[in-house]
Amino acid sequence: MATEAHFDALRGRVVIVLSSGLEVSFEPRLAEGLGQAAPQALSEIEISPSGLGLHFPQLDADLYLPALLEGMLGSRRWMSAEAGRAGGRQTSEAKAAAARANGRLGGRPRKATTT
């Protein structure tokens, strides 16, 4: 359960203090709804009465602490999109060779249309 939460501007991290005394922190760019936020918008964090939720009023963004502790920094859909985006940025010789071969064949096939 969260007892305190704040944005550490020097380290650029959201810091959450748990009732056990453990501190957890993460970079805002890793969490859904916080990625493009200005430090001032991150400075206001509300903890739900249960201590399981964090709300960023200036961003209208919410994080669920149990999911956060499991490494889920957003909804399943958002996490999947982030994983796909990271995979698309990866480069390798095999990927480059496949792109060249596909280009020699005329590129990506057009989507079939049904009328």
C-alpha atoms as a PDB file:
ATOM      1  CA  MET A   1       0.000   0.000   0.000  1.00  0.00           C
ATOM      2  CA  ALA A   2       1.358   3.453  -0.951  1.00  0.00           C
ATOM      3  CA  THR A   3       1.822   5.958   1.869  1.00  0.00           C
ATOM      4  CA  GLU A   4       3.612   8.665  -0.114  1.00  0.00           C
ATOM      5  CA  ALA A   5       4.252   9.518  -3.764  1.00  0.00           C
ATOM      6  CA  HIS A   6       6.162  12.360  -5.378  1.00  0.00           C
ATOM      7  CA  PHE A   7       8.073  13.305  -8.499  1.00  0.00           C
ATOM      8  CA  ASP A   8      11.832  13.608  -7.987  1.00  0.00           C
ATOM      9  CA  ALA A   9      12.743  16.247 -10.571  1.00  0.00           C
ATOM     10  CA  LEU A  10      16.499  15.814 -10.025  1.00  0.00           C
ATOM     11  CA  ARG A  11      16.364  12.132 -10.950  1.00  0.00           C
ATOM     12  CA  GLY A  12      13.383  12.483 -13.311  1.00  0.00           C
ATOM     13  CA  ARG A  13      11.488   9.681 -11.568  1.00  0.00           C
ATOM     14  CA  VAL A  14       8.145   9.118  -9.874  1.00  0.00           C
ATOM     15  CA  VAL A  15       8.871   7.791  -6.379  1.00  0.00           C
ATOM     16  CA  ILE A  16       6.356   5.736  -4.398  1.00  0.00           C
ATOM     17  CA  VAL A  17       6.903   4.894  -0.720  1.00  0.00           C
ATOM     18  CA  LEU A  18       5.112   1.743   0.419  1.00  0.00           C
ATOM     19  CA  SER A  19       3.814   1.025   3.918  1.00  0.00           C
ATOM     20  CA  SER A  20       6.600  -1.560   4.290  1.00  0.00           C
ATOM     21  CA  GLY A  21       9.186   1.215   3.886  1.00  0.00           C
ATOM     22  CA  LEU A  22      10.171   0.044   0.414  1.00  0.00           C
ATOM     23  CA  GLU A  23      10.572   2.767  -2.207  1.00  0.00           C
ATOM     24  CA  VAL A  24       9.733   2.117  -5.839  1.00  0.00           C
ATOM     25  CA  SER A  25      10.563   4.552  -8.625  1.00  0.00           C
ATOM     26  CA  PHE A  26      10.212   4.683 -12.397  1.00  0.00           C
ATOM     27  CA  GLU A  27      10.720   7.073 -15.288  1.00  0.00           C
ATOM     28  CA  PRO A  28       7.419   8.706 -16.302  1.00  0.00           C
ATOM     29  CA  ARG A  29       8.033   7.976 -20.000  1.00  0.00           C
ATOM     30  CA  LEU A  30       7.548   4.286 -19.179  1.00  0.00           C
ATOM     31  CA  ALA A  31       3.979   4.690 -17.897  1.00  0.00           C
ATOM     32  CA  GLU A  32       0.785   5.174 -19.844  1.00  0.00           C
ATOM     33  CA  GLY A  33      -0.427   8.757 -19.718  1.00  0.00           C
ATOM     34  CA  LEU A  34       2.771  10.163 -18.224  1.00  0.00           C
ATOM     35  CA  GLY A  35       5.156   9.937 -21.176  1.00  0.00           C
ATOM     36  CA  GLN A  36       5.004  13.512 -22.470  1.00  0.00           C
ATOM     37  CA  ALA A  37       4.151  15.162 -19.150  1.00  0.00           C
ATOM     38  CA  ALA A  38       5.969  18.252 -17.932  1.00  0.00           C
ATOM     39  CA  PRO A  39       7.638  17.968 -14.514  1.00  0.00           C
ATOM     40  CA  GLN A  40       5.107  20.415 -13.044  1.00  0.00           C
ATOM     41  CA  ALA A  41       2.210  18.160 -14.110  1.00  0.00           C
ATOM     42  CA  LEU A  42       3.907  15.210 -12.411  1.00  0.00           C
ATOM     43  CA  SER A  43       4.444  17.102  -9.173  1.00  0.00           C
ATOM     44  CA  GLU A  44       0.841  16.581  -8.042  1.00  0.00           C
ATOM     45  CA  ILE A  45       0.103  12.948  -7.189  1.00  0.00           C
ATOM     46  CA  GLU A  46      -2.900  11.769  -5.175  1.00  0.00           C
ATOM     47  CA  ILE A  47      -3.013   8.399  -3.430  1.00  0.00           C
ATOM     48  CA  SER A  48      -6.383   6.652  -3.294  1.00  0.00           C
ATOM     49  CA  PRO A  49      -7.878   5.969   0.168  1.00  0.00           C
ATOM     50  CA  SER A  50      -7.041   2.263  -0.223  1.00  0.00           C
ATOM     51  CA  GLY A  51      -3.419   3.139  -1.024  1.00  0.00           C
ATOM     52  CA  LEU A  52      -3.585   1.017  -4.168  1.00  0.00           C
ATOM     53  CA  GLY A  53      -4.123   3.746  -6.740  1.00  0.00           C
ATOM     54  CA  LEU A  54      -2.189   6.801  -7.860  1.00  0.00           C
ATOM     55  CA  HIS A  55      -3.923   9.672  -9.614  1.00  0.00           C
ATOM     56  CA  PHE A  56      -2.198  12.486 -11.505  1.00  0.00           C
ATOM     57  CA  PRO A  57      -4.939  15.179 -11.550  1.00  0.00           C
ATOM     58  CA  GLN A  58      -3.222  17.523 -14.000  1.00  0.00           C
ATOM     59  CA  LEU A  59      -2.923  14.670 -16.499  1.00  0.00           C
ATOM     60  CA  ASP A  60      -6.139  12.797 -15.657  1.00  0.00           C
ATOM     61  CA  ALA A  61      -4.001   9.652 -15.484  1.00  0.00           C
ATOM     62  CA  ASP A  62      -4.293   6.757 -13.036  1.00  0.00           C
ATOM     63  CA  LEU A  63      -1.965   3.923 -12.125  1.00  0.00           C
ATOM     64  CA  TYR A  64      -2.870   0.794 -10.151  1.00  0.00           C
ATOM     65  CA  LEU A  65      -0.126  -0.014  -7.658  1.00  0.00           C
ATOM     66  CA  PRO A  66      -0.373  -3.860  -7.692  1.00  0.00           C
ATOM     67  CA  ALA A  67      -0.116  -3.868 -11.500  1.00  0.00           C
ATOM     68  CA  LEU A  68       2.721  -1.344 -11.351  1.00  0.00           C
ATOM     69  CA  LEU A  69       4.647  -3.623  -8.995  1.00  0.00           C
ATOM     70  CA  GLU A  70       4.209  -6.458 -11.496  1.00  0.00           C
ATOM     71  CA  GLY A  71       5.761  -4.304 -14.198  1.00  0.00           C
ATOM     72  CA  MET A  72       2.479  -3.312 -15.858  1.00  0.00           C
ATOM     73  CA  LEU A  73       2.872   0.397 -16.494  1.00  0.00           C
ATOM     74  CA  GLY A  74      -0.377   0.755 -18.426  1.00  0.00           C
ATOM     75  CA  SER A  75      -3.324  -1.106 -19.913  1.00  0.00           C
ATOM     76  CA  ARG A  76      -2.743  -4.370 -21.784  1.00  0.00           C
ATOM     77  CA  ARG A  77      -3.446  -2.626 -25.077  1.00  0.00           C
ATOM     78  CA  TRP A  78      -0.954   0.157 -24.345  1.00  0.00           C
ATOM     79  CA  MET A  79       1.702  -2.317 -23.138  1.00  0.00           C
ATOM     80  CA  SER A  80       1.256  -4.365 -26.331  1.00  0.00           C
ATOM     81  CA  ALA A  81       1.606  -1.268 -28.489  1.00  0.00           C
ATOM     82  CA  GLU A  82       4.785  -0.265 -26.621  1.00  0.00           C
ATOM     83  CA  ALA A  83       6.248  -3.756 -27.070  1.00  0.00           C
ATOM     84  CA  GLY A  84       5.460  -3.634 -30.795  1.00  0.00           C
ATOM     85  CA  ARG A  85       6.994  -0.207 -31.106  1.00  0.00           C
ATOM     86  CA  ALA A  86      10.168  -1.414 -29.374  1.00  0.00           C
ATOM     87  CA  GLY A  87      10.321  -4.480 -31.632  1.00  0.00           C
ATOM     88  CA  GLY A  88       9.892  -2.343 -34.732  1.00  0.00           C
ATOM     89  CA  ARG A  89      12.886  -0.222 -33.740  1.00  0.00           C
ATOM     90  CA  GLN A  90      15.164  -3.244 -33.472  1.00  0.00           C
ATOM     91  CA  THR A  91      17.580  -3.728 -36.330  1.00  0.00           C
ATOM     92  CA  SER A  92      19.489  -6.755 -37.458  1.00  0.00           C
ATOM     93  CA  GLU A  93      21.198  -7.944 -40.609  1.00  0.00           C
ATOM     94  CA  ALA A  94      18.442 -10.531 -41.097  1.00  0.00           C
ATOM     95  CA  LYS A  95      15.739  -7.850 -40.886  1.00  0.00           C
ATOM     96  CA  ALA A  96      17.615  -5.604 -43.336  1.00  0.00           C
ATOM     97  CA  ALA A  97      18.120  -8.506 -45.768  1.00  0.00           C
ATOM     98  CA  ALA A  98      14.415  -9.393 -45.599  1.00  0.00           C
ATOM     99  CA  ALA A  99      13.455  -5.769 -46.302  1.00  0.00           C
ATOM    100  CA  ARG A 100      15.806  -5.640 -49.309  1.00  0.00           C
ATOM    101  CA  ALA A 101      14.426  -8.915 -50.664  1.00  0.00           C
ATOM    102  CA  ASN A 102      10.862  -7.716 -50.197  1.00  0.00           C
ATOM    103  CA  GLY A 103      11.733  -4.459 -51.956  1.00  0.00           C
ATOM    104  CA  ARG A 104      13.075  -6.370 -54.969  1.00  0.00           C
ATOM    105  CA  LEU A 105       9.733  -8.157 -55.166  1.00  0.00           C
ATOM    106  CA  GLY A 106       7.810  -4.894 -55.341  1.00  0.00           C
ATOM    107  CA  GLY A 107       7.461  -4.092 -51.664  1.00  0.00           C
ATOM    108  CA  ARG A 108       4.676  -4.874 -49.259  1.00  0.00           C
ATOM    109  CA  PRO A 109       1.644  -6.368 -50.989  1.00  0.00           C
ATOM    110  CA  ARG A 110      -1.497  -4.254 -51.097  1.00  0.00           C
ATOM    111  CA  LYS A 111      -4.319  -5.229 -48.804  1.00  0.00           C
ATOM    112  CA  ALA A 112      -7.017  -7.223 -50.531  1.00  0.00           C
ATOM    113  CA  THR A 113     -10.257  -5.284 -50.832  1.00  0.00           C
ATOM    114  CA  THR A 114     -13.625  -6.949 -50.859  1.00  0.00           C
ATOM    115  CA  THR A 115     -16.534  -5.257 -52.594  1.00  0.00           C
END
